[in-house]
Amino acid sequence: MRIETKDAFWNAKDIYIIDDSADVRTSLHELFASLGINAWPFRSGGDFLDAFDSLKPAPILVDIYMPEIDGLEFMSQLRRLGSSWPVIVMTGRGEVPIAVKAMRLGAVEFLSKPFELDALIDALGIASVALEDTVAEEREREAALARFATLTQREHEVTRALATGLSNKETALVLDLSVRTVEMHRANALRKLGIGNIIELVALIAAATPGKPTSPGYDPDRLPRA
């Protein structure tokens, strides 16, 4: 185990366990409790998704083969909610194609039951490092959104147009404004956002809208408007 993941494991405070087996949930709950980690068990992926809005970020340990919603479908629905909480997948079958699908859906580790304690600790360490990155990105997103919230409606319109690659003149035509007015709103918006050019504007929009590519073609309509 790398030093950083080992340290991250011992810093871990919480983990969610999703498995349809009561015995597995109980044994894992007791194991994590002995390690000083709060384990929150769920009988199904559906139960977890229903409670998602009230939960705080933490690694997720989920079984692949479950009735109703299996582990892969659970991960798909989790991503559709916009969550990037790290997921550790566990299964009693150890099928390579399933592992590949899980990794493509964002799983940070794949464990075959029965797994050794060291393997579980290593997986949780990796997940904890990933969670730290996720939390940092979320804080960056909230900070970026707060900066955009200071803009007026017109400043939003101008910055959205400029971020798609339009020039001041093209933006003026699209918004039916004079070039001078566009320049004024552009200057005011960049000043409020604390940036100096359109490249920085595109980067800030990307920070405020996770999952959106930093390119002229994305749709920034999800940004807040003052």
C-alpha atoms as a PDB file:
ATOM      1  CA  MET A   1       0.000   0.000   0.000  1.00  0.00           C
ATOM      2  CA  ARG A   2       1.307   3.436  -0.885  1.00  0.00           C
ATOM      3  CA  ILE A   3       1.999   5.712   2.091  1.00  0.00           C
ATOM      4  CA  GLU A   4      -0.595   8.300   1.019  1.00  0.00           C
ATOM      5  CA  THR A   5      -3.398   5.728   0.710  1.00  0.00           C
ATOM      6  CA  LYS A   6      -2.448   4.125   4.023  1.00  0.00           C
ATOM      7  CA  ASP A   7      -2.579   7.507   5.762  1.00  0.00           C
ATOM      8  CA  ALA A   8      -5.890   8.265   4.045  1.00  0.00           C
ATOM      9  CA  PHE A   9      -7.360   4.993   5.309  1.00  0.00           C
ATOM     10  CA  TRP A  10      -6.617   5.834   8.916  1.00  0.00           C
ATOM     11  CA  ASN A  11      -8.131   9.289   8.350  1.00  0.00           C
ATOM     12  CA  ALA A  12     -11.346   7.735   7.019  1.00  0.00           C
ATOM     13  CA  LYS A  13     -14.344   8.402   9.265  1.00  0.00           C
ATOM     14  CA  ASP A  14     -17.319   6.988   7.368  1.00  0.00           C
ATOM     15  CA  ILE A  15     -18.243   4.439   4.737  1.00  0.00           C
ATOM     16  CA  TYR A  16     -21.539   3.313   3.198  1.00  0.00           C
ATOM     17  CA  ILE A  17     -22.167  -0.410   2.758  1.00  0.00           C
ATOM     18  CA  ILE A  18     -24.725  -1.553   0.181  1.00  0.00           C
ATOM     19  CA  ASP A  19     -25.414  -5.299   0.118  1.00  0.00           C
ATOM     20  CA  ASP A  20     -28.625  -7.328   0.077  1.00  0.00           C
ATOM     21  CA  SER A  21     -27.099  -9.848   2.506  1.00  0.00           C
ATOM     22  CA  ALA A  22     -27.806  -8.977   6.132  1.00  0.00           C
ATOM     23  CA  ASP A  23     -24.888 -11.164   7.213  1.00  0.00           C
ATOM     24  CA  VAL A  24     -22.459  -9.252   4.977  1.00  0.00           C
ATOM     25  CA  ARG A  25     -23.770  -5.890   6.186  1.00  0.00           C
ATOM     26  CA  THR A  26     -23.452  -6.950   9.819  1.00  0.00           C
ATOM     27  CA  SER A  27     -19.958  -8.430   9.489  1.00  0.00           C
ATOM     28  CA  LEU A  28     -18.628  -5.408   7.595  1.00  0.00           C
ATOM     29  CA  HIS A  29     -20.299  -3.030  10.058  1.00  0.00           C
ATOM     30  CA  GLU A  30     -18.580  -4.802  12.948  1.00  0.00           C
ATOM     31  CA  LEU A  31     -15.248  -4.889  11.111  1.00  0.00           C
ATOM     32  CA  PHE A  32     -15.253  -1.177  10.358  1.00  0.00           C
ATOM     33  CA  ALA A  33     -16.409  -0.383  13.891  1.00  0.00           C
ATOM     34  CA  SER A  34     -13.357  -2.246  15.217  1.00  0.00           C
ATOM     35  CA  LEU A  35     -11.202  -0.008  13.017  1.00  0.00           C
ATOM     36  CA  GLY A  36     -12.860   3.167  14.302  1.00  0.00           C
ATOM     37  CA  ILE A  37     -14.831   3.821  11.096  1.00  0.00           C
ATOM     38  CA  ASN A  38     -18.557   4.571  11.042  1.00  0.00           C
ATOM     39  CA  ALA A  39     -20.262   2.142   8.658  1.00  0.00           C
ATOM     40  CA  TRP A  40     -23.733   2.984   7.365  1.00  0.00           C
ATOM     41  CA  PRO A  41     -25.470  -0.118   5.937  1.00  0.00           C
ATOM     42  CA  PHE A  42     -28.135  -0.152   3.206  1.00  0.00           C
ATOM     43  CA  ARG A  43     -30.100  -3.180   2.026  1.00  0.00           C
ATOM     44  CA  SER A  44     -30.261  -2.008  -1.584  1.00  0.00           C
ATOM     45  CA  GLY A  45     -29.027   0.605  -3.998  1.00  0.00           C
ATOM     46  CA  GLY A  46     -32.536   2.009  -4.128  1.00  0.00           C
ATOM     47  CA  ASP A  47     -32.548   2.609  -0.370  1.00  0.00           C
ATOM     48  CA  PHE A  48     -29.261   4.482  -0.650  1.00  0.00           C
ATOM     49  CA  LEU A  49     -30.426   6.594  -3.590  1.00  0.00           C
ATOM     50  CA  ASP A  50     -33.630   7.484  -1.735  1.00  0.00           C
ATOM     51  CA  ALA A  51     -31.560   8.776   1.181  1.00  0.00           C
ATOM     52  CA  PHE A  52     -28.815  10.341  -0.960  1.00  0.00           C
ATOM     53  CA  ASP A  53     -29.805  13.986  -0.461  1.00  0.00           C
ATOM     54  CA  SER A  54     -29.491  13.643   3.311  1.00  0.00           C
ATOM     55  CA  LEU A  55     -26.092  11.894   3.269  1.00  0.00           C
ATOM     56  CA  LYS A  56     -22.650  13.415   3.580  1.00  0.00           C
ATOM     57  CA  PRO A  57     -19.821  12.493   1.188  1.00  0.00           C
ATOM     58  CA  ALA A  58     -18.069   9.220   1.993  1.00  0.00           C
ATOM     59  CA  PRO A  59     -16.736   6.169   0.158  1.00  0.00           C
ATOM     60  CA  ILE A  60     -19.312   3.576  -0.936  1.00  0.00           C
ATOM     61  CA  LEU A  61     -18.799  -0.194  -0.762  1.00  0.00           C
ATOM     62  CA  VAL A  62     -21.384  -1.862  -3.006  1.00  0.00           C
ATOM     63  CA  ASP A  63     -22.092  -5.435  -4.080  1.00  0.00           C
ATOM     64  CA  ILE A  64     -22.488  -6.023  -7.817  1.00  0.00           C
ATOM     65  CA  TYR A  65     -25.144  -8.737  -7.750  1.00  0.00           C
ATOM     66  CA  MET A  66     -28.286  -7.512  -5.996  1.00  0.00           C
ATOM     67  CA  PRO A  67     -31.995  -7.755  -6.842  1.00  0.00           C
ATOM     68  CA  GLU A  68     -33.917  -4.767  -8.244  1.00  0.00           C
ATOM     69  CA  ILE A  69     -30.918  -2.475  -8.814  1.00  0.00           C
ATOM     70  CA  ASP A  70     -27.577  -4.224  -9.287  1.00  0.00           C
ATOM     71  CA  GLY A  71     -24.256  -2.562  -8.558  1.00  0.00           C
ATOM     72  CA  LEU A  72     -23.652  -1.382 -12.121  1.00  0.00           C
ATOM     73  CA  GLU A  73     -27.094   0.196 -12.446  1.00  0.00           C
ATOM     74  CA  PHE A  74     -26.634   1.772  -9.014  1.00  0.00           C
ATOM     75  CA  MET A  75     -23.396   3.390 -10.164  1.00  0.00           C
ATOM     76  CA  SER A  76     -25.079   4.670 -13.320  1.00  0.00           C
ATOM     77  CA  GLN A  77     -27.889   6.262 -11.313  1.00  0.00           C
ATOM     78  CA  LEU A  78     -25.408   7.707  -8.827  1.00  0.00           C
ATOM     79  CA  ARG A  79     -23.501   9.402 -11.634  1.00  0.00           C
ATOM     80  CA  ARG A  80     -26.747  10.780 -13.072  1.00  0.00           C
ATOM     81  CA  LEU A  81     -27.287  12.470  -9.709  1.00  0.00           C
ATOM     82  CA  GLY A  82     -23.990  14.246 -10.273  1.00  0.00           C
ATOM     83  CA  SER A  83     -22.189  12.351  -7.531  1.00  0.00           C
ATOM     84  CA  SER A  84     -18.507  11.569  -7.805  1.00  0.00           C
ATOM     85  CA  TRP A  85     -18.240   9.862  -4.414  1.00  0.00           C
ATOM     86  CA  PRO A  86     -15.715   7.024  -4.737  1.00  0.00           C
ATOM     87  CA  VAL A  87     -17.204   3.549  -5.151  1.00  0.00           C
ATOM     88  CA  ILE A  88     -15.570   0.236  -4.226  1.00  0.00           C
ATOM     89  CA  VAL A  89     -17.242  -2.710  -5.951  1.00  0.00           C
ATOM     90  CA  MET A  90     -17.346  -6.166  -4.405  1.00  0.00           C
ATOM     91  CA  THR A  91     -18.547  -9.465  -5.859  1.00  0.00           C
ATOM     92  CA  GLY A  92     -18.385 -13.176  -5.144  1.00  0.00           C
ATOM     93  CA  ARG A  93     -17.824 -14.099  -8.786  1.00  0.00           C
ATOM     94  CA  GLY A  94     -14.817 -12.081  -9.866  1.00  0.00           C
ATOM     95  CA  GLU A  95     -15.776 -11.761 -13.530  1.00  0.00           C
ATOM     96  CA  VAL A  96     -13.337  -9.676 -15.565  1.00  0.00           C
ATOM     97  CA  PRO A  97     -15.986  -8.129 -17.905  1.00  0.00           C
ATOM     98  CA  ILE A  98     -18.014  -6.976 -14.904  1.00  0.00           C
ATOM     99  CA  ALA A  99     -14.906  -5.475 -13.322  1.00  0.00           C
ATOM    100  CA  VAL A 100     -14.151  -3.587 -16.548  1.00  0.00           C
ATOM    101  CA  LYS A 101     -17.706  -2.205 -16.697  1.00  0.00           C
ATOM    102  CA  ALA A 102     -17.494  -1.132 -13.053  1.00  0.00           C
ATOM    103  CA  MET A 103     -14.204   0.676 -13.634  1.00  0.00           C
ATOM    104  CA  ARG A 104     -15.647   2.447 -16.673  1.00  0.00           C
ATOM    105  CA  LEU A 105     -18.483   3.678 -14.466  1.00  0.00           C
ATOM    106  CA  GLY A 106     -15.918   5.148 -12.087  1.00  0.00           C
ATOM    107  CA  ALA A 107     -15.254   2.436  -9.502  1.00  0.00           C
ATOM    108  CA  VAL A 108     -11.949   3.090  -7.748  1.00  0.00           C
ATOM    109  CA  GLU A 109     -11.385  -0.549  -6.799  1.00  0.00           C
ATOM    110  CA  PHE A 110     -12.841  -4.036  -7.392  1.00  0.00           C
ATOM    111  CA  LEU A 111     -12.813  -6.661  -4.623  1.00  0.00           C
ATOM    112  CA  SER A 112     -13.582 -10.366  -5.032  1.00  0.00           C
ATOM    113  CA  LYS A 113     -15.282 -12.030  -2.060  1.00  0.00           C
ATOM    114  CA  PRO A 114     -13.953 -13.277   0.243  1.00  0.00           C
ATOM    115  CA  PHE A 115     -11.353 -10.532   0.374  1.00  0.00           C
ATOM    116  CA  GLU A 116      -8.434 -10.124   2.735  1.00  0.00           C
ATOM    117  CA  LEU A 117      -8.436  -7.332   5.300  1.00  0.00           C
ATOM    118  CA  ASP A 118      -5.346  -5.799   3.699  1.00  0.00           C
ATOM    119  CA  ALA A 119      -7.137  -5.633   0.337  1.00  0.00           C
ATOM    120  CA  LEU A 120     -10.110  -3.891   1.941  1.00  0.00           C
ATOM    121  CA  ILE A 121      -7.888  -1.430   3.785  1.00  0.00           C
ATOM    122  CA  ASP A 122      -5.985  -0.685   0.578  1.00  0.00           C
ATOM    123  CA  ALA A 123      -9.235  -0.131  -1.348  1.00  0.00           C
ATOM    124  CA  LEU A 124     -10.620   2.200   1.310  1.00  0.00           C
ATOM    125  CA  GLY A 125      -7.348   4.116   1.345  1.00  0.00           C
ATOM    126  CA  ILE A 126      -7.621   4.659  -2.414  1.00  0.00           C
ATOM    127  CA  ALA A 127     -11.271   5.684  -2.033  1.00  0.00           C
ATOM    128  CA  SER A 128     -10.411   8.114   0.757  1.00  0.00           C
ATOM    129  CA  VAL A 129      -7.787   9.842  -1.392  1.00  0.00           C
ATOM    130  CA  ALA A 130     -10.344  10.106  -4.200  1.00  0.00           C
ATOM    131  CA  LEU A 131     -12.905  11.538  -1.762  1.00  0.00           C
ATOM    132  CA  GLU A 132     -10.479  14.223  -0.622  1.00  0.00           C
ATOM    133  CA  ASP A 133     -10.070  15.272  -4.267  1.00  0.00           C
ATOM    134  CA  THR A 134     -13.847  15.258  -4.746  1.00  0.00           C
ATOM    135  CA  VAL A 135     -14.449  17.433  -1.697  1.00  0.00           C
ATOM    136  CA  ALA A 136     -11.775  19.887  -2.845  1.00  0.00           C
ATOM    137  CA  GLU A 137     -13.389  20.094  -6.300  1.00  0.00           C
ATOM    138  CA  GLU A 138     -16.799  20.706  -4.725  1.00  0.00           C
ATOM    139  CA  ARG A 139     -15.414  23.561  -2.655  1.00  0.00           C
ATOM    140  CA  GLU A 140     -13.856  25.018  -5.802  1.00  0.00           C
ATOM    141  CA  ARG A 141     -17.217  24.683  -7.552  1.00  0.00           C
ATOM    142  CA  GLU A 142     -19.075  26.459  -4.746  1.00  0.00           C
ATOM    143  CA  ALA A 143     -16.512  29.271  -4.770  1.00  0.00           C
ATOM    144  CA  ALA A 144     -16.871  29.661  -8.545  1.00  0.00           C
ATOM    145  CA  LEU A 145     -20.675  29.691  -8.321  1.00  0.00           C
ATOM    146  CA  ALA A 146     -20.517  32.374  -5.646  1.00  0.00           C
ATOM    147  CA  ARG A 147     -18.463  34.553  -7.983  1.00  0.00           C
ATOM    148  CA  PHE A 148     -20.915  34.075 -10.856  1.00  0.00           C
ATOM    149  CA  ALA A 149     -23.790  34.959  -8.536  1.00  0.00           C
ATOM    150  CA  THR A 150     -22.437  38.528  -8.359  1.00  0.00           C
ATOM    151  CA  LEU A 151     -23.123  39.141 -12.067  1.00  0.00           C
ATOM    152  CA  THR A 152     -26.183  40.884 -13.433  1.00  0.00           C
ATOM    153  CA  GLN A 153     -28.489  39.210 -15.953  1.00  0.00           C
ATOM    154  CA  ARG A 154     -26.882  41.121 -18.845  1.00  0.00           C
ATOM    155  CA  GLU A 155     -23.376  40.299 -17.641  1.00  0.00           C
ATOM    156  CA  HIS A 156     -24.346  36.615 -17.608  1.00  0.00           C
ATOM    157  CA  GLU A 157     -25.608  36.874 -21.171  1.00  0.00           C
ATOM    158  CA  VAL A 158     -22.429  38.552 -22.354  1.00  0.00           C
ATOM    159  CA  THR A 159     -20.086  36.142 -20.572  1.00  0.00           C
ATOM    160  CA  ARG A 160     -22.017  33.108 -21.844  1.00  0.00           C
ATOM    161  CA  ALA A 161     -21.703  34.381 -25.407  1.00  0.00           C
ATOM    162  CA  LEU A 162     -18.018  35.226 -25.068  1.00  0.00           C
ATOM    163  CA  ALA A 163     -17.274  31.837 -23.500  1.00  0.00           C
ATOM    164  CA  THR A 164     -18.590  30.068 -26.602  1.00  0.00           C
ATOM    165  CA  GLY A 165     -15.876  31.768 -28.637  1.00  0.00           C
ATOM    166  CA  LEU A 166     -17.771  34.777 -29.985  1.00  0.00           C
ATOM    167  CA  SER A 167     -15.923  38.069 -30.409  1.00  0.00           C
ATOM    168  CA  ASN A 168     -17.187  41.316 -28.898  1.00  0.00           C
ATOM    169  CA  LYS A 169     -18.673  42.276 -32.269  1.00  0.00           C
ATOM    170  CA  GLU A 170     -20.387  38.895 -32.744  1.00  0.00           C
ATOM    171  CA  THR A 171     -21.717  39.029 -29.191  1.00  0.00           C
ATOM    172  CA  ALA A 172     -23.135  42.481 -29.869  1.00  0.00           C
ATOM    173  CA  LEU A 173     -24.969  41.160 -32.931  1.00  0.00           C
ATOM    174  CA  VAL A 174     -26.370  38.138 -31.096  1.00  0.00           C
ATOM    175  CA  LEU A 175     -27.587  40.180 -28.122  1.00  0.00           C
ATOM    176  CA  ASP A 176     -28.639  43.204 -30.176  1.00  0.00           C
ATOM    177  CA  LEU A 177     -26.282  45.512 -28.307  1.00  0.00           C
ATOM    178  CA  SER A 178     -23.619  47.972 -29.326  1.00  0.00           C
ATOM    179  CA  VAL A 179     -20.008  46.803 -29.273  1.00  0.00           C
ATOM    180  CA  ARG A 180     -19.258  49.477 -26.698  1.00  0.00           C
ATOM    181  CA  THR A 181     -22.001  48.107 -24.399  1.00  0.00           C
ATOM    182  CA  VAL A 182     -20.641  44.572 -24.755  1.00  0.00           C
ATOM    183  CA  GLU A 183     -17.152  45.822 -23.905  1.00  0.00           C
ATOM    184  CA  MET A 184     -18.524  47.568 -20.805  1.00  0.00           C
ATOM    185  CA  HIS A 185     -20.375  44.455 -19.575  1.00  0.00           C
ATOM    186  CA  ARG A 186     -17.363  42.291 -20.360  1.00  0.00           C
ATOM    187  CA  ALA A 187     -15.054  44.517 -18.342  1.00  0.00           C
ATOM    188  CA  ASN A 188     -17.468  44.675 -15.398  1.00  0.00           C
ATOM    189  CA  ALA A 189     -18.011  40.891 -15.429  1.00  0.00           C
ATOM    190  CA  LEU A 190     -14.313  40.043 -15.550  1.00  0.00           C
ATOM    191  CA  ARG A 191     -13.639  42.501 -12.729  1.00  0.00           C
ATOM    192  CA  LYS A 192     -16.372  40.985 -10.532  1.00  0.00           C
ATOM    193  CA  LEU A 193     -15.150  37.462 -11.284  1.00  0.00           C
ATOM    194  CA  GLY A 194     -11.578  38.402 -10.469  1.00  0.00           C
ATOM    195  CA  ILE A 195     -10.195  37.233 -13.816  1.00  0.00           C
ATOM    196  CA  GLY A 196      -8.403  38.927 -16.671  1.00  0.00           C
ATOM    197  CA  ASN A 197      -9.391  37.207 -19.922  1.00  0.00           C
ATOM    198  CA  ILE A 198     -11.787  34.821 -21.673  1.00  0.00           C
ATOM    199  CA  ILE A 199      -9.510  31.800 -21.216  1.00  0.00           C
ATOM    200  CA  GLU A 200      -9.792  32.282 -17.457  1.00  0.00           C
ATOM    201  CA  LEU A 201     -13.553  32.756 -17.876  1.00  0.00           C
ATOM    202  CA  VAL A 202     -13.920  29.394 -19.627  1.00  0.00           C
ATOM    203  CA  ALA A 203     -11.835  27.731 -16.905  1.00  0.00           C
ATOM    204  CA  LEU A 204     -14.017  29.305 -14.198  1.00  0.00           C
ATOM    205  CA  ILE A 205     -17.202  28.120 -15.916  1.00  0.00           C
ATOM    206  CA  ALA A 206     -15.724  24.622 -16.106  1.00  0.00           C
ATOM    207  CA  ALA A 207     -15.001  24.758 -12.369  1.00  0.00           C
ATOM    208  CA  ALA A 208     -18.596  25.829 -11.701  1.00  0.00           C
ATOM    209  CA  THR A 209     -20.137  23.089 -13.842  1.00  0.00           C
ATOM    210  CA  PRO A 210     -18.489  19.725 -13.121  1.00  0.00           C
ATOM    211  CA  GLY A 211     -18.762  17.240 -15.946  1.00  0.00           C
ATOM    212  CA  LYS A 212     -18.674  19.990 -18.573  1.00  0.00           C
ATOM    213  CA  PRO A 213     -15.648  20.110 -20.870  1.00  0.00           C
ATOM    214  CA  THR A 214     -13.470  23.189 -20.890  1.00  0.00           C
ATOM    215  CA  SER A 215     -14.126  24.027 -24.541  1.00  0.00           C
ATOM    216  CA  PRO A 216     -15.997  26.667 -26.548  1.00  0.00           C
ATOM    217  CA  GLY A 217     -18.805  24.250 -27.386  1.00  0.00           C
ATOM    218  CA  TYR A 218     -20.241  23.489 -23.935  1.00  0.00           C
ATOM    219  CA  ASP A 219     -23.583  24.800 -22.675  1.00  0.00           C
ATOM    220  CA  PRO A 220     -23.160  27.064 -19.618  1.00  0.00           C
ATOM    221  CA  ASP A 221     -26.895  27.632 -19.029  1.00  0.00           C
ATOM    222  CA  ARG A 222     -26.702  25.841 -15.678  1.00  0.00           C
ATOM    223  CA  LEU A 223     -24.788  28.756 -14.179  1.00  0.00           C
ATOM    224  CA  PRO A 224     -26.661  30.857 -11.593  1.00  0.00           C
ATOM    225  CA  ARG A 225     -28.035  34.188 -12.647  1.00  0.00           C
ATOM    226  CA  ALA A 226     -28.236  37.293 -10.449  1.00  0.00           C
END
